[in-house]
Amino acid sequence: MEQVTIYGRSSCGFCVQAKRLCEARDIPYVWVDMIEKGMSKQDIAEKIGRPVYTVPQILVGNQYVGGFDQFYAYMRDHQSELAR
């Protein structure tokens, strides 16, 4: 699976769950803490090309997946790729 990019905040439970899901499945990921980086939701929106109302915002490679629920569903739907 391509590298996952997670935009979020350390204080966000769903953001932490997304990181843990990657770690549990040995999926390479980049964590972008919007507070540490001084990023706003608008900054993230400009990077991903769509409005941002919540975090996390997650990409697999260059493909936008969505928030945690969408990412979890994506992982479930792509289990065969993860088994390789």
PDB file of N, CA and C in Angstrom:
ATOM      1  N   MET A   1       0.843  -1.182   0.000  1.00  0.00           N
ATOM      2  CA  MET A   1       0.000   0.000   0.000  1.00  0.00           C
ATOM      3  C   MET A   1       0.884   1.238   0.000  1.00  0.00           C
ATOM      4  N   GLU A   2       0.419   2.263  -0.697  1.00  0.00           N
ATOM      5  CA  GLU A   2       1.162   3.511  -0.733  1.00  0.00           C
ATOM      6  C   GLU A   2       1.160   4.173   0.639  1.00  0.00           C
ATOM      7  N   GLN A   3       2.083   5.105   0.806  1.00  0.00           N
ATOM      8  CA  GLN A   3       2.183   5.817   2.070  1.00  0.00           C
ATOM      9  C   GLN A   3       0.905   6.602   2.353  1.00  0.00           C
ATOM     10  N   VAL A   4       0.506   6.591   3.599  1.00  0.00           N
ATOM     11  CA  VAL A   4      -0.676   7.313   4.063  1.00  0.00           C
ATOM     12  C   VAL A   4      -0.222   8.644   4.660  1.00  0.00           C
ATOM     13  N   THR A   5      -0.961   9.701   4.379  1.00  0.00           N
ATOM     14  CA  THR A   5      -0.717  11.000   5.000  1.00  0.00           C
ATOM     15  C   THR A   5      -1.941  11.354   5.833  1.00  0.00           C
ATOM     16  N   ILE A   6      -1.691  11.658   7.098  1.00  0.00           N
ATOM     17  CA  ILE A   6      -2.769  11.991   8.029  1.00  0.00           C
ATOM     18  C   ILE A   6      -2.563  13.423   8.509  1.00  0.00           C
ATOM     19  N   TYR A   7      -3.506  14.292   8.192  1.00  0.00           N
ATOM     20  CA  TYR A   7      -3.517  15.658   8.704  1.00  0.00           C
ATOM     21  C   TYR A   7      -4.451  15.680   9.901  1.00  0.00           C
ATOM     22  N   GLY A   8      -3.942  16.165  11.044  1.00  0.00           N
ATOM     23  CA  GLY A   8      -4.794  16.168  12.219  1.00  0.00           C
ATOM     24  C   GLY A   8      -4.172  16.887  13.392  1.00  0.00           C
ATOM     25  N   ARG A   9      -4.703  16.597  14.572  1.00  0.00           N
ATOM     26  CA  ARG A   9      -4.218  17.162  15.834  1.00  0.00           C
ATOM     27  C   ARG A   9      -4.002  16.025  16.826  1.00  0.00           C
ATOM     28  N   SER A  10      -3.000  16.168  17.664  1.00  0.00           N
ATOM     29  CA  SER A  10      -2.711  15.135  18.664  1.00  0.00           C
ATOM     30  C   SER A  10      -3.845  14.972  19.665  1.00  0.00           C
ATOM     31  N   SER A  11      -4.623  16.020  19.877  1.00  0.00           N
ATOM     32  CA  SER A  11      -5.726  15.963  20.843  1.00  0.00           C
ATOM     33  C   SER A  11      -7.000  15.361  20.252  1.00  0.00           C
ATOM     34  N   CYS A  12      -6.952  14.968  18.990  1.00  0.00           N
ATOM     35  CA  CYS A  12      -8.122  14.424  18.290  1.00  0.00           C
ATOM     36  C   CYS A  12      -8.111  12.899  18.378  1.00  0.00           C
ATOM     37  N   GLY A  13      -9.139  12.329  18.996  1.00  0.00           N
ATOM     38  CA  GLY A  13      -9.212  10.879  19.157  1.00  0.00           C
ATOM     39  C   GLY A  13      -9.218  10.121  17.843  1.00  0.00           C
ATOM     40  N   PHE A  14      -9.955  10.614  16.852  1.00  0.00           N
ATOM     41  CA  PHE A  14     -10.004   9.926  15.562  1.00  0.00           C
ATOM     42  C   PHE A  14      -8.660  10.015  14.834  1.00  0.00           C
ATOM     43  N   CYS A  15      -7.938  11.113  15.043  1.00  0.00           N
ATOM     44  CA  CYS A  15      -6.604  11.254  14.448  1.00  0.00           C
ATOM     45  C   CYS A  15      -5.659  10.203  15.038  1.00  0.00           C
ATOM     46  N   VAL A  16      -5.707  10.062  16.350  1.00  0.00           N
ATOM     47  CA  VAL A  16      -4.876   9.069  17.034  1.00  0.00           C
ATOM     48  C   VAL A  16      -5.259   7.661  16.577  1.00  0.00           C
ATOM     49  N   GLN A  17      -6.550   7.395  16.418  1.00  0.00           N
ATOM     50  CA  GLN A  17      -6.988   6.075  15.943  1.00  0.00           C
ATOM     51  C   GLN A  17      -6.459   5.792  14.539  1.00  0.00           C
ATOM     52  N   ALA A  18      -6.437   6.787  13.681  1.00  0.00           N
ATOM     53  CA  ALA A  18      -5.923   6.598  12.321  1.00  0.00           C
ATOM     54  C   ALA A  18      -4.441   6.233  12.360  1.00  0.00           C
ATOM     55  N   LYS A  19      -3.676   6.914  13.209  1.00  0.00           N
ATOM     56  CA  LYS A  19      -2.256   6.582  13.350  1.00  0.00           C
ATOM     57  C   LYS A  19      -2.085   5.154  13.867  1.00  0.00           C
ATOM     58  N   ARG A  20      -2.868   4.788  14.871  1.00  0.00           N
ATOM     59  CA  ARG A  20      -2.764   3.442  15.457  1.00  0.00           C
ATOM     60  C   ARG A  20      -3.136   2.360  14.451  1.00  0.00           C
ATOM     61  N   LEU A  21      -4.122   2.635  13.606  1.00  0.00           N
ATOM     62  CA  LEU A  21      -4.517   1.677  12.577  1.00  0.00           C
ATOM     63  C   LEU A  21      -3.363   1.429  11.612  1.00  0.00           C
ATOM     64  N   CYS A  22      -2.684   2.486  11.209  1.00  0.00           N
ATOM     65  CA  CYS A  22      -1.515   2.330  10.333  1.00  0.00           C
ATOM     66  C   CYS A  22      -0.420   1.533  11.031  1.00  0.00           C
ATOM     67  N   GLU A  23      -0.150   1.866  12.278  1.00  0.00           N
ATOM     68  CA  GLU A  23       0.898   1.172  13.028  1.00  0.00           C
ATOM     69  C   GLU A  23       0.561  -0.300  13.211  1.00  0.00           C
ATOM     70  N   ALA A  24      -0.689  -0.608  13.514  1.00  0.00           N
ATOM     71  CA  ALA A  24      -1.100  -1.997  13.743  1.00  0.00           C
ATOM     72  C   ALA A  24      -0.960  -2.841  12.483  1.00  0.00           C
ATOM     73  N   ARG A  25      -1.085  -2.209  11.334  1.00  0.00           N
ATOM     74  CA  ARG A  25      -1.018  -2.948  10.064  1.00  0.00           C
ATOM     75  C   ARG A  25       0.286  -2.714   9.314  1.00  0.00           C
ATOM     76  N   ASP A  26       1.259  -2.116   9.996  1.00  0.00           N
ATOM     77  CA  ASP A  26       2.578  -1.844   9.407  1.00  0.00           C
ATOM     78  C   ASP A  26       2.481  -1.085   8.088  1.00  0.00           C
ATOM     79  N   ILE A  27       1.632  -0.084   8.054  1.00  0.00           N
ATOM     80  CA  ILE A  27       1.469   0.750   6.867  1.00  0.00           C
ATOM     81  C   ILE A  27       2.278   2.023   7.073  1.00  0.00           C
ATOM     82  N   PRO A  28       3.144   2.357   6.118  1.00  0.00           N
ATOM     83  CA  PRO A  28       3.924   3.586   6.267  1.00  0.00           C
ATOM     84  C   PRO A  28       3.000   4.806   6.219  1.00  0.00           C
ATOM     85  N   TYR A  29       3.236   5.736   7.138  1.00  0.00           N
ATOM     86  CA  TYR A  29       2.404   6.937   7.153  1.00  0.00           C
ATOM     87  C   TYR A  29       3.219   8.148   7.572  1.00  0.00           C
ATOM     88  N   VAL A  30       2.720   9.302   7.164  1.00  0.00           N
ATOM     89  CA  VAL A  30       3.276  10.586   7.579  1.00  0.00           C
ATOM     90  C   VAL A  30       2.204  11.273   8.404  1.00  0.00           C
ATOM     91  N   TRP A  31       2.573  11.702   9.579  1.00  0.00           N
ATOM     92  CA  TRP A  31       1.663  12.401  10.476  1.00  0.00           C
ATOM     93  C   TRP A  31       1.967  13.889  10.371  1.00  0.00           C
ATOM     94  N   VAL A  32       0.975  14.693  10.018  1.00  0.00           N
ATOM     95  CA  VAL A  32       1.128  16.140   9.935  1.00  0.00           C
ATOM     96  C   VAL A  32       0.242  16.754  11.016  1.00  0.00           C
ATOM     97  N   ASP A  33       0.877  17.175  12.109  1.00  0.00           N
ATOM     98  CA  ASP A  33       0.144  17.790  13.216  1.00  0.00           C
ATOM     99  C   ASP A  33      -0.090  19.253  12.864  1.00  0.00           C
ATOM    100  N   MET A  34      -1.342  19.601  12.615  1.00  0.00           N
ATOM    101  CA  MET A  34      -1.655  20.946  12.151  1.00  0.00           C
ATOM    102  C   MET A  34      -1.320  22.012  13.197  1.00  0.00           C
ATOM    103  N   ILE A  35      -1.347  21.669  14.469  1.00  0.00           N
ATOM    104  CA  ILE A  35      -1.001  22.632  15.520  1.00  0.00           C
ATOM    105  C   ILE A  35       0.504  22.882  15.515  1.00  0.00           C
ATOM    106  N   GLU A  36       1.303  21.809  15.495  1.00  0.00           N
ATOM    107  CA  GLU A  36       2.762  21.952  15.472  1.00  0.00           C
ATOM    108  C   GLU A  36       3.240  22.695  14.236  1.00  0.00           C
ATOM    109  N   LYS A  37       2.568  22.457  13.110  1.00  0.00           N
ATOM    110  CA  LYS A  37       2.967  23.080  11.840  1.00  0.00           C
ATOM    111  C   LYS A  37       2.343  24.458  11.649  1.00  0.00           C
ATOM    112  N   GLY A  38       1.461  24.867  12.576  1.00  0.00           N
ATOM    113  CA  GLY A  38       0.801  26.157  12.449  1.00  0.00           C
ATOM    114  C   GLY A  38      -0.161  26.212  11.270  1.00  0.00           C
ATOM    115  N   MET A  39      -0.789  25.072  10.968  1.00  0.00           N
ATOM    116  CA  MET A  39      -1.694  24.980   9.825  1.00  0.00           C
ATOM    117  C   MET A  39      -3.141  25.191  10.260  1.00  0.00           C
ATOM    118  N   SER A  40      -3.902  25.818   9.392  1.00  0.00           N
ATOM    119  CA  SER A  40      -5.344  25.943   9.605  1.00  0.00           C
ATOM    120  C   SER A  40      -6.056  24.904   8.741  1.00  0.00           C
ATOM    121  N   LYS A  41      -7.354  24.760   8.958  1.00  0.00           N
ATOM    122  CA  LYS A  41      -8.128  23.859   8.096  1.00  0.00           C
ATOM    123  C   LYS A  41      -8.080  24.348   6.652  1.00  0.00           C
ATOM    124  N   GLN A  42      -8.015  25.667   6.468  1.00  0.00           N
ATOM    125  CA  GLN A  42      -7.913  26.224   5.112  1.00  0.00           C
ATOM    126  C   GLN A  42      -6.592  25.805   4.461  1.00  0.00           C
ATOM    127  N   ASP A  43      -5.506  25.793   5.223  1.00  0.00           N
ATOM    128  CA  ASP A  43      -4.212  25.347   4.686  1.00  0.00           C
ATOM    129  C   ASP A  43      -4.297  23.901   4.214  1.00  0.00           C
ATOM    130  N   ILE A  44      -4.939  23.053   5.013  1.00  0.00           N
ATOM    131  CA  ILE A  44      -5.096  21.648   4.631  1.00  0.00           C
ATOM    132  C   ILE A  44      -5.978  21.549   3.392  1.00  0.00           C
ATOM    133  N   ALA A  45      -7.049  22.337   3.354  1.00  0.00           N
ATOM    134  CA  ALA A  45      -7.954  22.329   2.197  1.00  0.00           C
ATOM    135  C   ALA A  45      -7.198  22.664   0.917  1.00  0.00           C
ATOM    136  N   GLU A  46      -6.292  23.609   0.984  1.00  0.00           N
ATOM    137  CA  GLU A  46      -5.503  23.982  -0.192  1.00  0.00           C
ATOM    138  C   GLU A  46      -4.594  22.837  -0.625  1.00  0.00           C
ATOM    139  N   LYS A  47      -4.079  22.071   0.323  1.00  0.00           N
ATOM    140  CA  LYS A  47      -3.209  20.939  -0.012  1.00  0.00           C
ATOM    141  C   LYS A  47      -3.980  19.775  -0.618  1.00  0.00           C
ATOM    142  N   ILE A  48      -5.199  19.512  -0.115  1.00  0.00           N
ATOM    143  CA  ILE A  48      -5.939  18.336  -0.594  1.00  0.00           C
ATOM    144  C   ILE A  48      -6.969  18.668  -1.670  1.00  0.00           C
ATOM    145  N   GLY A  49      -7.213  19.968  -1.871  1.00  0.00           N
ATOM    146  CA  GLY A  49      -8.099  20.364  -2.952  1.00  0.00           C
ATOM    147  C   GLY A  49      -9.582  20.219  -2.675  1.00  0.00           C
ATOM    148  N   ARG A  50      -9.962  20.295  -1.419  1.00  0.00           N
ATOM    149  CA  ARG A  50     -11.385  20.223  -1.061  1.00  0.00           C
ATOM    150  C   ARG A  50     -11.579  20.871   0.304  1.00  0.00           C
ATOM    151  N   PRO A  51     -12.796  21.304   0.614  1.00  0.00           N
ATOM    152  CA  PRO A  51     -13.045  21.952   1.908  1.00  0.00           C
ATOM    153  C   PRO A  51     -12.774  20.995   3.075  1.00  0.00           C
ATOM    154  N   VAL A  52     -12.303  21.551   4.165  1.00  0.00           N
ATOM    155  CA  VAL A  52     -12.025  20.761   5.368  1.00  0.00           C
ATOM    156  C   VAL A  52     -12.847  21.327   6.521  1.00  0.00           C
ATOM    157  N   TYR A  53     -13.669  20.469   7.107  1.00  0.00           N
ATOM    158  CA  TYR A  53     -14.487  20.864   8.250  1.00  0.00           C
ATOM    159  C   TYR A  53     -14.067  20.138   9.521  1.00  0.00           C
ATOM    160  N   THR A  54     -13.452  18.963   9.363  1.00  0.00           N
ATOM    161  CA  THR A  54     -13.045  18.151  10.510  1.00  0.00           C
ATOM    162  C   THR A  54     -11.682  17.530  10.227  1.00  0.00           C
ATOM    163  N   VAL A  55     -11.065  17.019  11.269  1.00  0.00           N
ATOM    164  CA  VAL A  55      -9.849  16.222  11.125  1.00  0.00           C
ATOM    165  C   VAL A  55     -10.113  14.890  11.799  1.00  0.00           C
ATOM    166  N   PRO A  56      -9.407  13.850  11.392  1.00  0.00           N
ATOM    167  CA  PRO A  56      -8.317  13.856  10.427  1.00  0.00           C
ATOM    168  C   PRO A  56      -8.806  13.973   8.985  1.00  0.00           C
ATOM    169  N   GLN A  57      -7.865  14.368   8.129  1.00  0.00           N
ATOM    170  CA  GLN A  57      -8.042  14.309   6.686  1.00  0.00           C
ATOM    171  C   GLN A  57      -6.930  13.390   6.198  1.00  0.00           C
ATOM    172  N   ILE A  58      -7.299  12.355   5.447  1.00  0.00           N
ATOM    173  CA  ILE A  58      -6.364  11.268   5.152  1.00  0.00           C
ATOM    174  C   ILE A  58      -6.269  11.032   3.656  1.00  0.00           C
ATOM    175  N   LEU A  59      -5.026  10.853   3.208  1.00  0.00           N
ATOM    176  CA  LEU A  59      -4.750  10.502   1.823  1.00  0.00           C
ATOM    177  C   LEU A  59      -3.963   9.203   1.793  1.00  0.00           C
ATOM    178  N   VAL A  60      -4.185   8.407   0.764  1.00  0.00           N
ATOM    179  CA  VAL A  60      -3.368   7.223   0.496  1.00  0.00           C
ATOM    180  C   VAL A  60      -2.671   7.526  -0.819  1.00  0.00           C
ATOM    181  N   GLY A  61      -1.342   7.675  -0.750  1.00  0.00           N
ATOM    182  CA  GLY A  61      -0.632   8.186  -1.913  1.00  0.00           C
ATOM    183  C   GLY A  61      -1.157   9.591  -2.172  1.00  0.00           C
ATOM    184  N   ASN A  62      -1.586   9.849  -3.403  1.00  0.00           N
ATOM    185  CA  ASN A  62      -2.176  11.145  -3.747  1.00  0.00           C
ATOM    186  C   ASN A  62      -3.697  11.110  -3.748  1.00  0.00           C
ATOM    187  N   GLN A  63      -4.281   9.975  -3.362  1.00  0.00           N
ATOM    188  CA  GLN A  63      -5.736   9.806  -3.399  1.00  0.00           C
ATOM    189  C   GLN A  63      -6.360  10.233  -2.075  1.00  0.00           C
ATOM    190  N   TYR A  64      -7.295  11.174  -2.167  1.00  0.00           N
ATOM    191  CA  TYR A  64      -8.020  11.608  -0.978  1.00  0.00           C
ATOM    192  C   TYR A  64      -8.976  10.504  -0.547  1.00  0.00           C
ATOM    193  N   VAL A  65      -8.932  10.142   0.742  1.00  0.00           N
ATOM    194  CA  VAL A  65      -9.817   9.107   1.278  1.00  0.00           C
ATOM    195  C   VAL A  65     -10.921   9.733   2.129  1.00  0.00           C
ATOM    196  N   GLY A  66     -10.581  10.669   2.997  1.00  0.00           N
ATOM    197  CA  GLY A  66     -11.584  11.313   3.852  1.00  0.00           C
ATOM    198  C   GLY A  66     -11.140  11.322   5.297  1.00  0.00           C
ATOM    199  N   GLY A  67     -12.115  11.187   6.197  1.00  0.00           N
ATOM    200  CA  GLY A  67     -11.844  11.152   7.626  1.00  0.00           C
ATOM    201  C   GLY A  67     -11.604   9.729   8.103  1.00  0.00           C
ATOM    202  N   PHE A  68     -11.652   9.546   9.423  1.00  0.00           N
ATOM    203  CA  PHE A  68     -11.334   8.228   9.969  1.00  0.00           C
ATOM    204  C   PHE A  68     -12.290   7.147   9.489  1.00  0.00           C
ATOM    205  N   ASP A  69     -13.588   7.410   9.508  1.00  0.00           N
ATOM    206  CA  ASP A  69     -14.550   6.378   9.103  1.00  0.00           C
ATOM    207  C   ASP A  69     -14.319   5.928   7.666  1.00  0.00           C
ATOM    208  N   GLN A  70     -14.056   6.875   6.786  1.00  0.00           N
ATOM    209  CA  GLN A  70     -13.788   6.531   5.390  1.00  0.00           C
ATOM    210  C   GLN A  70     -12.468   5.769   5.251  1.00  0.00           C
ATOM    211  N   PHE A  71     -11.476   6.167   6.062  1.00  0.00           N
ATOM    212  CA  PHE A  71     -10.185   5.483   6.025  1.00  0.00           C
ATOM    213  C   PHE A  71     -10.328   4.046   6.519  1.00  0.00           C
ATOM    214  N   TYR A  72     -11.089   3.850   7.584  1.00  0.00           N
ATOM    215  CA  TYR A  72     -11.309   2.504   8.109  1.00  0.00           C
ATOM    216  C   TYR A  72     -11.987   1.635   7.051  1.00  0.00           C
ATOM    217  N   ALA A  73     -12.983   2.179   6.380  1.00  0.00           N
ATOM    218  CA  ALA A  73     -13.673   1.441   5.312  1.00  0.00           C
ATOM    219  C   ALA A  73     -12.718   1.155   4.155  1.00  0.00           C
ATOM    220  N   TYR A  74     -11.874   2.114   3.819  1.00  0.00           N
ATOM    221  CA  TYR A  74     -10.883   1.928   2.756  1.00  0.00           C
ATOM    222  C   TYR A  74      -9.950   0.772   3.113  1.00  0.00           C
ATOM    223  N   MET A  75      -9.490   0.755   4.351  1.00  0.00           N
ATOM    224  CA  MET A  75      -8.582  -0.306   4.802  1.00  0.00           C
ATOM    225  C   MET A  75      -9.280  -1.664   4.733  1.00  0.00           C
ATOM    226  N   ARG A  76     -10.522  -1.719   5.151  1.00  0.00           N
ATOM    227  CA  ARG A  76     -11.292  -2.961   5.091  1.00  0.00           C
ATOM    228  C   ARG A  76     -11.447  -3.426   3.637  1.00  0.00           C
ATOM    229  N   ASP A  77     -11.732  -2.494   2.750  1.00  0.00           N
ATOM    230  CA  ASP A  77     -11.948  -2.832   1.341  1.00  0.00           C
ATOM    231  C   ASP A  77     -10.668  -3.205   0.605  1.00  0.00           C
ATOM    232  N   HIS A  78      -9.511  -2.829   1.155  1.00  0.00           N
ATOM    233  CA  HIS A  78      -8.227  -3.100   0.501  1.00  0.00           C
ATOM    234  C   HIS A  78      -7.362  -4.075   1.292  1.00  0.00           C
ATOM    235  N   GLN A  79      -7.981  -4.952   2.064  1.00  0.00           N
ATOM    236  CA  GLN A  79      -7.235  -5.906   2.888  1.00  0.00           C
ATOM    237  C   GLN A  79      -6.305  -6.781   2.072  1.00  0.00           C
ATOM    238  N   SER A  80      -6.709  -7.142   0.861  1.00  0.00           N
ATOM    239  CA  SER A  80      -5.862  -8.021   0.047  1.00  0.00           C
ATOM    240  C   SER A  80      -4.542  -7.343  -0.287  1.00  0.00           C
ATOM    241  N   GLU A  81      -4.544  -6.032  -0.489  1.00  0.00           N
ATOM    242  CA  GLU A  81      -3.302  -5.307  -0.743  1.00  0.00           C
ATOM    243  C   GLU A  81      -2.411  -5.328   0.493  1.00  0.00           C
ATOM    244  N   LEU A  82      -3.023  -5.269   1.662  1.00  0.00           N
ATOM    245  CA  LEU A  82      -2.262  -5.224   2.905  1.00  0.00           C
ATOM    246  C   LEU A  82      -1.612  -6.559   3.225  1.00  0.00           C
ATOM    247  N   ALA A  83      -2.174  -7.630   2.732  1.00  0.00           N
ATOM    248  CA  ALA A  83      -1.658  -8.969   3.028  1.00  0.00           C
ATOM    249  C   ALA A  83      -0.395  -9.289   2.239  1.00  0.00           C
ATOM    250  N   ARG A  84      -0.112  -8.496   1.236  1.00  0.00           N
ATOM    251  CA  ARG A  84       1.066  -8.766   0.388  1.00  0.00           C
ATOM    252  C   ARG A  84       2.357  -8.442   1.066  1.00  0.00           C
TER     253      ARG A  84
END
